[in-house]
Protein backbone atom coordinates (compact mmCIF):
# COMPACT_ATOMS: atom_id res chain seq x y z
CA UNK A 1 32.77 62.92 -44.63
CA UNK A 2 33.62 62.06 -41.16
CA UNK A 3 32.29 65.49 -40.07
CA UNK A 4 29.07 64.31 -41.30
CA UNK A 5 29.03 60.89 -39.34
CA UNK A 6 29.84 62.67 -36.10
CA UNK A 7 26.14 63.29 -35.45
CA UNK A 8 24.83 59.91 -36.77
CA UNK A 9 27.27 58.45 -33.97
CA UNK A 10 26.09 60.74 -31.40
CA UNK A 11 22.46 60.19 -32.05
CA UNK A 12 23.36 55.97 -32.40
CA UNK A 13 25.49 56.38 -28.95
CA UNK A 14 22.41 58.48 -26.86
CA UNK A 15 19.41 56.45 -28.25
CA UNK A 16 20.43 53.34 -30.17
CA UNK A 17 22.94 52.00 -27.38
CA UNK A 18 20.51 52.19 -24.44
CA UNK A 19 17.68 51.03 -26.90
CA UNK A 20 19.90 47.84 -27.69
CA UNK A 21 20.87 47.18 -24.22
CA UNK A 22 17.21 47.34 -22.90
CA UNK A 23 15.94 44.72 -25.53
CA UNK A 24 19.05 42.50 -24.97
CA UNK A 25 18.13 42.90 -21.11
CA UNK A 26 14.52 41.99 -21.90
CA UNK A 27 15.61 39.06 -24.06
CA UNK A 28 17.95 37.46 -21.33
CA UNK A 29 15.31 38.06 -18.78
CA UNK A 30 12.65 35.95 -20.80
CA UNK A 31 15.27 33.41 -21.37
CA UNK A 32 15.83 33.14 -17.57
CA UNK A 33 12.16 32.89 -17.12
CA UNK A 34 12.01 30.26 -19.95
CA UNK A 35 14.71 28.25 -18.53
CA UNK A 36 12.70 28.46 -14.71
CA UNK A 37 9.74 27.14 -16.22
CA UNK A 38 11.52 24.27 -17.72
CA UNK A 39 12.94 23.41 -14.64
CA UNK A 40 9.68 23.63 -12.76
CA UNK A 41 8.05 21.68 -15.48
CA UNK A 42 11.11 18.79 -14.92
CA UNK A 43 10.52 18.86 -11.27
CA UNK A 44 6.49 18.64 -11.65
CA UNK A 45 7.16 15.49 -14.40
CA UNK A 46 9.44 13.95 -11.89
CA UNK A 47 6.76 14.26 -9.06
CA UNK A 48 3.93 13.03 -11.46
CA UNK A 49 6.23 10.05 -12.33
CA UNK A 50 6.77 9.00 -8.75
CA UNK A 51 2.98 9.25 -8.20
CA UNK A 52 2.29 7.50 -10.98
CA UNK A 53 4.59 4.59 -9.96
CA UNK A 54 2.93 4.83 -6.56
CA UNK A 55 -0.33 4.38 -7.91
CA UNK A 56 0.53 1.38 -10.37
CA UNK A 57 2.10 -0.23 -7.29
CA UNK A 58 -1.08 0.10 -5.28
CA UNK A 59 -3.15 -1.07 -8.23
CA UNK A 60 -0.54 -4.42 -8.45
CA UNK A 61 -1.12 -4.76 -4.92
CA UNK A 62 -5.05 -4.66 -5.12
CA UNK A 63 -5.11 -6.91 -8.18
CA UNK A 64 -2.93 -9.39 -6.16
CA UNK A 65 -5.34 -9.15 -3.07
CA UNK A 66 -8.38 -9.58 -5.52
CA UNK A 67 -6.85 -12.55 -6.86
CA UNK A 68 -5.86 -13.79 -3.20
CA UNK A 69 -9.36 -13.60 -2.27
CA UNK A 70 -10.95 -14.90 -5.32
CA UNK A 71 -8.95 -17.83 -4.86
CA UNK A 72 -9.74 -18.21 -1.22
CA UNK A 73 -13.56 -17.79 -2.14
CA UNK A 74 -13.58 -20.54 -4.76
CA UNK A 75 -12.02 -23.04 -2.32
CA UNK A 76 -14.64 -22.03 0.44
CA UNK A 77 -17.10 -22.63 -2.04
CA UNK A 78 -15.73 -25.84 -3.53
CA UNK A 79 -15.54 -27.31 0.02
CA UNK A 80 -19.08 -26.34 0.84
CA UNK A 81 -20.15 -28.01 -2.49
CA UNK A 82 -18.48 -31.07 -1.24
CA UNK A 83 -19.73 -31.04 2.20
CA UNK A 84 -23.09 -30.53 0.65
CA UNK A 85 -22.57 -33.35 -1.47
CA UNK A 86 -21.88 -35.70 1.57
CA UNK A 87 -24.75 -34.63 3.54
CA UNK A 88 -27.06 -34.98 0.26
CA UNK A 89 -25.70 -38.37 -0.16
CA UNK A 90 -26.04 -39.61 3.51
CA UNK A 91 -29.94 -37.88 3.55
CA UNK A 92 -30.47 -39.95 0.51
CA UNK A 93 -28.97 -43.49 1.30
CA UNK A 94 -29.45 -43.28 5.18
CA UNK A 95 -28.04 -46.93 5.55
CA UNK A 96 -24.61 -45.80 3.93
CA UNK A 97 -23.90 -43.29 7.04
């Protein structure tokens, strides 16, 4: 029986082992590539998160600026309205002013 196994073991060593080594090599290469892609994705995600935070800050600053300008405009309109009321009052009652 052992003599019958010698050709089978020889064929396995000549053909099977290099084939298995090639398959393992391909699997390891694929695993390294996937790990690199995941690292790149993580770096890109971190960069995108930073950009998103910067955009949020800019948007917040813009909202604050619009609010400030709106309040300033409201105050100016209110002052003009009061001044117009005074002018109309003086115009309607010339004896008073």
